[in-house]
Amino acid sequence: MKCILSSFLIIAISMSFSACATKKSQQQQYAGVDGDFINSTPLPERQEGTNFFGGNVQRGHYPPIYFRFDNFTIGAGELEKVRALAADLRGSSSTVIIAGFTDSRGTEEYNRALGERRANAVRESLIRFGLNGNRLQTVSFGMEKPADPGNGEAACSKNRRAEIGVTK
């Protein structure tokens, strides 16, 4: 009887330890769900009929903002372009679409995400320079629609960019 009771006690203790380990791994699996937050200005609702390549969007009026390889930080020289863009757009009420692009290195998914981070970096800078975030939309084309279809470094550097479109 003592042997059965001891065996039962040992099994119960070992099961409780394994239950704790399972519970801990479940907590780690879902860690961050309650703590996730957006650390940038939320995007406005998409305007019906606005398409970066649509006829109602003026493109090419502002120079592209270029980025270094595998990076979405706006360099000092490019930041001056963003500052001038903000100053020019301050008096306008048009919606601005910021399109992010990448070169062809990397997967389609990675480049789509990097293009979005580039567009958001420009958007956040425009907001810091005084534009209303409700007027600024972003889109990412990743490695689609290259400015230069070549494969060399010169072509790749032209493709790592954000372009500005303004609704007419």
C-alpha atoms as a PDB file:
ATOM      1  CA  MET A   1       0.000   0.000   0.000  1.00  0.00           C
ATOM      2  CA  LYS A   2       2.846   2.371   0.896  1.00  0.00           C
ATOM      3  CA  CYS A   3       4.517   1.498  -2.401  1.00  0.00           C
ATOM      4  CA  ILE A   4       1.385   2.345  -4.397  1.00  0.00           C
ATOM      5  CA  LEU A   5       0.898   5.597  -2.476  1.00  0.00           C
ATOM      6  CA  SER A   6       4.571   6.551  -3.010  1.00  0.00           C
ATOM      7  CA  SER A   7       4.321   5.761  -6.715  1.00  0.00           C
ATOM      8  CA  PHE A   8       1.155   7.819  -7.022  1.00  0.00           C
ATOM      9  CA  LEU A   9       2.799  10.741  -5.206  1.00  0.00           C
ATOM     10  CA  ILE A  10       5.888  10.610  -7.464  1.00  0.00           C
ATOM     11  CA  ILE A  11       3.706  10.509 -10.606  1.00  0.00           C
ATOM     12  CA  ALA A  12       1.590  13.434  -9.367  1.00  0.00           C
ATOM     13  CA  ILE A  13       4.681  15.539  -8.607  1.00  0.00           C
ATOM     14  CA  SER A  14       6.300  14.810 -11.975  1.00  0.00           C
ATOM     15  CA  MET A  15       3.048  15.627 -13.792  1.00  0.00           C
ATOM     16  CA  SER A  16       2.780  18.947 -11.998  1.00  0.00           C
ATOM     17  CA  PHE A  17       6.322  19.859 -13.081  1.00  0.00           C
ATOM     18  CA  SER A  18       5.571  18.958 -16.688  1.00  0.00           C
ATOM     19  CA  ALA A  19       2.343  20.957 -16.540  1.00  0.00           C
ATOM     20  CA  CYS A  20       4.324  23.983 -15.366  1.00  0.00           C
ATOM     21  CA  ALA A  21       6.752  23.558 -18.245  1.00  0.00           C
ATOM     22  CA  THR A  22       3.866  23.331 -20.732  1.00  0.00           C
ATOM     23  CA  LYS A  23       2.210  26.407 -19.274  1.00  0.00           C
ATOM     24  CA  LYS A  24       5.466  28.341 -19.458  1.00  0.00           C
ATOM     25  CA  SER A  25       6.019  27.450 -23.125  1.00  0.00           C
ATOM     26  CA  GLN A  26       2.443  28.461 -23.948  1.00  0.00           C
ATOM     27  CA  GLN A  27       3.050  31.827 -22.338  1.00  0.00           C
ATOM     28  CA  GLN A  28       6.238  32.270 -24.346  1.00  0.00           C
ATOM     29  CA  GLN A  29       4.454  31.279 -27.538  1.00  0.00           C
ATOM     30  CA  TYR A  30       1.974  34.114 -27.126  1.00  0.00           C
ATOM     31  CA  ALA A  31       4.323  36.628 -25.525  1.00  0.00           C
ATOM     32  CA  GLY A  32       3.908  40.124 -26.903  1.00  0.00           C
ATOM     33  CA  VAL A  33       0.309  39.782 -28.053  1.00  0.00           C
ATOM     34  CA  ASP A  34      -0.958  42.093 -25.322  1.00  0.00           C
ATOM     35  CA  GLY A  35       2.081  44.363 -25.572  1.00  0.00           C
ATOM     36  CA  ASP A  36       2.107  44.996 -29.332  1.00  0.00           C
ATOM     37  CA  PHE A  37       1.550  48.599 -30.371  1.00  0.00           C
ATOM     38  CA  ILE A  38       2.020  50.879 -33.323  1.00  0.00           C
ATOM     39  CA  ASN A  39       4.928  53.233 -32.782  1.00  0.00           C
ATOM     40  CA  SER A  40       4.138  55.490 -35.716  1.00  0.00           C
ATOM     41  CA  THR A  41       1.201  57.673 -36.696  1.00  0.00           C
ATOM     42  CA  PRO A  42      -1.737  55.475 -37.771  1.00  0.00           C
ATOM     43  CA  LEU A  43      -2.551  55.541 -41.472  1.00  0.00           C
ATOM     44  CA  PRO A  44      -5.742  57.260 -42.664  1.00  0.00           C
ATOM     45  CA  GLU A  45      -8.504  55.368 -44.445  1.00  0.00           C
ATOM     46  CA  ARG A  46      -7.719  54.759 -48.111  1.00  0.00           C
ATOM     47  CA  GLN A  47      -9.406  57.219 -50.427  1.00  0.00           C
ATOM     48  CA  GLU A  48     -11.656  55.662 -53.020  1.00  0.00           C
ATOM     49  CA  GLY A  49     -10.235  56.010 -56.525  1.00  0.00           C
ATOM     50  CA  THR A  50      -6.677  56.902 -55.526  1.00  0.00           C
ATOM     51  CA  ASN A  51      -4.126  54.669 -57.144  1.00  0.00           C
ATOM     52  CA  PHE A  52      -0.445  55.594 -57.302  1.00  0.00           C
ATOM     53  CA  PHE A  53      -0.365  54.804 -61.016  1.00  0.00           C
ATOM     54  CA  GLY A  54      -3.871  56.150 -61.676  1.00  0.00           C
ATOM     55  CA  GLY A  55      -4.692  59.115 -63.875  1.00  0.00           C
ATOM     56  CA  ASN A  56      -5.735  61.265 -60.928  1.00  0.00           C
ATOM     57  CA  VAL A  57      -2.298  61.092 -59.273  1.00  0.00           C
ATOM     58  CA  GLN A  58       0.525  63.369 -60.409  1.00  0.00           C
ATOM     59  CA  ARG A  59       3.856  61.537 -60.213  1.00  0.00           C
ATOM     60  CA  GLY A  60       7.358  62.682 -61.082  1.00  0.00           C
ATOM     61  CA  HIS A  61       6.924  66.248 -59.858  1.00  0.00           C
ATOM     62  CA  TYR A  62       9.171  65.593 -56.844  1.00  0.00           C
ATOM     63  CA  PRO A  63      12.533  63.805 -56.930  1.00  0.00           C
ATOM     64  CA  PRO A  64      12.732  60.287 -55.502  1.00  0.00           C
ATOM     65  CA  ILE A  65      14.174  59.767 -52.026  1.00  0.00           C
ATOM     66  CA  TYR A  66      16.944  57.168 -52.281  1.00  0.00           C
ATOM     67  CA  PHE A  67      18.016  54.623 -49.665  1.00  0.00           C
ATOM     68  CA  ARG A  68      21.115  52.576 -48.970  1.00  0.00           C
ATOM     69  CA  PHE A  69      21.090  48.824 -49.556  1.00  0.00           C
ATOM     70  CA  ASP A  70      18.866  46.878 -47.138  1.00  0.00           C
ATOM     71  CA  ASN A  71      18.017  50.054 -45.219  1.00  0.00           C
ATOM     72  CA  PHE A  72      15.024  52.292 -44.603  1.00  0.00           C
ATOM     73  CA  THR A  73      16.780  55.131 -42.770  1.00  0.00           C
ATOM     74  CA  ILE A  74      16.655  58.420 -44.660  1.00  0.00           C
ATOM     75  CA  GLY A  75      20.182  59.759 -45.187  1.00  0.00           C
ATOM     76  CA  ALA A  76      21.097  63.388 -44.456  1.00  0.00           C
ATOM     77  CA  GLY A  77      21.152  64.448 -48.108  1.00  0.00           C
ATOM     78  CA  GLU A  78      17.851  62.748 -48.829  1.00  0.00           C
ATOM     79  CA  LEU A  79      16.293  64.272 -45.711  1.00  0.00           C
ATOM     80  CA  GLU A  80      16.738  67.693 -47.315  1.00  0.00           C
ATOM     81  CA  LYS A  81      14.531  66.496 -50.186  1.00  0.00           C
ATOM     82  CA  VAL A  82      11.875  65.474 -47.663  1.00  0.00           C
ATOM     83  CA  ARG A  83      12.125  68.841 -45.887  1.00  0.00           C
ATOM     84  CA  ALA A  84      11.671  70.692 -49.212  1.00  0.00           C
ATOM     85  CA  LEU A  85       8.772  68.403 -50.103  1.00  0.00           C
ATOM     86  CA  ALA A  86       7.053  69.167 -46.782  1.00  0.00           C
ATOM     87  CA  ALA A  87       7.531  72.906 -47.268  1.00  0.00           C
ATOM     88  CA  ASP A  88       6.039  72.713 -50.770  1.00  0.00           C
ATOM     89  CA  LEU A  89       3.060  70.581 -49.727  1.00  0.00           C
ATOM     90  CA  ARG A  90       2.192  72.548 -46.582  1.00  0.00           C
ATOM     91  CA  GLY A  91      -0.173  74.881 -48.454  1.00  0.00           C
ATOM     92  CA  SER A  92      -1.924  72.071 -50.334  1.00  0.00           C
ATOM     93  CA  SER A  93      -4.893  69.993 -49.236  1.00  0.00           C
ATOM     94  CA  SER A  94      -4.206  67.152 -51.683  1.00  0.00           C
ATOM     95  CA  THR A  95      -3.650  63.593 -50.596  1.00  0.00           C
ATOM     96  CA  VAL A  96      -0.037  62.473 -50.899  1.00  0.00           C
ATOM     97  CA  ILE A  97       0.826  58.864 -51.751  1.00  0.00           C
ATOM     98  CA  ILE A  98       4.321  57.686 -50.826  1.00  0.00           C
ATOM     99  CA  ALA A  99       5.386  54.571 -52.718  1.00  0.00           C
ATOM    100  CA  GLY A 100       8.289  52.463 -51.478  1.00  0.00           C
ATOM    101  CA  PHE A 101      10.485  50.453 -53.848  1.00  0.00           C
ATOM    102  CA  THR A 102      13.500  48.121 -53.535  1.00  0.00           C
ATOM    103  CA  ASP A 103      16.093  46.564 -55.767  1.00  0.00           C
ATOM    104  CA  SER A 104      15.707  42.951 -56.913  1.00  0.00           C
ATOM    105  CA  ARG A 105      17.876  41.362 -54.221  1.00  0.00           C
ATOM    106  CA  GLY A 106      15.916  39.398 -51.613  1.00  0.00           C
ATOM    107  CA  THR A 107      12.573  37.646 -51.607  1.00  0.00           C
ATOM    108  CA  GLU A 108       9.375  39.233 -52.841  1.00  0.00           C
ATOM    109  CA  GLU A 109       7.929  39.256 -49.310  1.00  0.00           C
ATOM    110  CA  TYR A 110      11.033  40.808 -47.774  1.00  0.00           C
ATOM    111  CA  ASN A 111      11.200  43.509 -50.437  1.00  0.00           C
ATOM    112  CA  ARG A 112       7.506  44.314 -50.105  1.00  0.00           C
ATOM    113  CA  ALA A 113       8.009  44.825 -46.351  1.00  0.00           C
ATOM    114  CA  LEU A 114      11.184  46.877 -46.883  1.00  0.00           C
ATOM    115  CA  GLY A 115       9.397  49.078 -49.416  1.00  0.00           C
ATOM    116  CA  GLU A 116       6.644  49.678 -46.867  1.00  0.00           C
ATOM    117  CA  ARG A 117       9.190  50.613 -44.193  1.00  0.00           C
ATOM    118  CA  ARG A 118      10.799  53.069 -46.616  1.00  0.00           C
ATOM    119  CA  ALA A 119       7.447  54.658 -47.458  1.00  0.00           C
ATOM    120  CA  ASN A 120       6.604  54.887 -43.745  1.00  0.00           C
ATOM    121  CA  ALA A 121       9.983  56.476 -42.965  1.00  0.00           C
ATOM    122  CA  VAL A 122       9.266  59.231 -45.482  1.00  0.00           C
ATOM    123  CA  ARG A 123       5.721  59.598 -44.137  1.00  0.00           C
ATOM    124  CA  GLU A 124       6.920  59.973 -40.539  1.00  0.00           C
ATOM    125  CA  SER A 125       9.493  62.565 -41.626  1.00  0.00           C
ATOM    126  CA  LEU A 126       6.826  64.557 -43.466  1.00  0.00           C
ATOM    127  CA  ILE A 127       4.695  64.505 -40.316  1.00  0.00           C
ATOM    128  CA  ARG A 128       7.657  65.722 -38.238  1.00  0.00           C
ATOM    129  CA  PHE A 129       8.095  68.554 -40.752  1.00  0.00           C
ATOM    130  CA  GLY A 130       4.494  69.670 -40.225  1.00  0.00           C
ATOM    131  CA  LEU A 131       2.227  67.794 -42.643  1.00  0.00           C
ATOM    132  CA  ASN A 132      -1.020  66.285 -41.424  1.00  0.00           C
ATOM    133  CA  GLY A 133      -0.752  62.488 -41.303  1.00  0.00           C
ATOM    134  CA  ASN A 134      -4.355  62.142 -42.494  1.00  0.00           C
ATOM    135  CA  ARG A 135      -3.251  63.350 -45.932  1.00  0.00           C
ATOM    136  CA  LEU A 136      -0.387  60.852 -46.268  1.00  0.00           C
ATOM    137  CA  GLN A 137      -0.902  57.335 -47.598  1.00  0.00           C
ATOM    138  CA  THR A 138       1.728  54.696 -48.245  1.00  0.00           C
ATOM    139  CA  VAL A 139       2.048  51.798 -50.623  1.00  0.00           C
ATOM    140  CA  SER A 140       4.863  49.342 -51.310  1.00  0.00           C
ATOM    141  CA  PHE A 141       5.735  47.872 -54.666  1.00  0.00           C
ATOM    142  CA  GLY A 142       8.852  46.099 -53.399  1.00  0.00           C
ATOM    143  CA  MET A 143      10.976  45.029 -56.342  1.00  0.00           C
ATOM    144  CA  GLU A 144       8.126  45.468 -58.844  1.00  0.00           C
ATOM    145  CA  LYS A 145       8.289  48.463 -61.172  1.00  0.00           C
ATOM    146  CA  PRO A 146      12.036  49.145 -61.119  1.00  0.00           C
ATOM    147  CA  ALA A 147      13.253  52.569 -62.216  1.00  0.00           C
ATOM    148  CA  ASP A 148      16.183  50.821 -63.923  1.00  0.00           C
ATOM    149  CA  PRO A 149      15.762  47.179 -65.028  1.00  0.00           C
ATOM    150  CA  GLY A 150      19.530  46.515 -65.005  1.00  0.00           C
ATOM    151  CA  ASN A 151      21.308  44.258 -62.514  1.00  0.00           C
ATOM    152  CA  GLY A 152      24.433  46.262 -61.658  1.00  0.00           C
ATOM    153  CA  GLU A 153      24.940  48.397 -58.565  1.00  0.00           C
ATOM    154  CA  ALA A 154      24.076  51.595 -60.474  1.00  0.00           C
ATOM    155  CA  ALA A 155      20.691  50.150 -61.452  1.00  0.00           C
ATOM    156  CA  CYS A 156      20.065  48.767 -57.970  1.00  0.00           C
ATOM    157  CA  SER A 157      20.807  52.115 -56.331  1.00  0.00           C
ATOM    158  CA  LYS A 158      18.188  53.811 -58.560  1.00  0.00           C
ATOM    159  CA  ASN A 159      15.598  51.222 -57.531  1.00  0.00           C
ATOM    160  CA  ARG A 160      16.020  51.666 -53.746  1.00  0.00           C
ATOM    161  CA  ARG A 161      13.680  54.641 -53.452  1.00  0.00           C
ATOM    162  CA  ALA A 162      10.446  56.216 -52.353  1.00  0.00           C
ATOM    163  CA  GLU A 163       8.424  58.176 -54.888  1.00  0.00           C
ATOM    164  CA  ILE A 164       5.802  60.822 -54.232  1.00  0.00           C
ATOM    165  CA  GLY A 165       2.410  61.056 -55.901  1.00  0.00           C
ATOM    166  CA  VAL A 166      -0.073  63.875 -55.283  1.00  0.00           C
ATOM    167  CA  THR A 167      -3.772  63.615 -56.089  1.00  0.00           C
ATOM    168  CA  LYS A 168      -4.980  66.143 -58.668  1.00  0.00           C
END
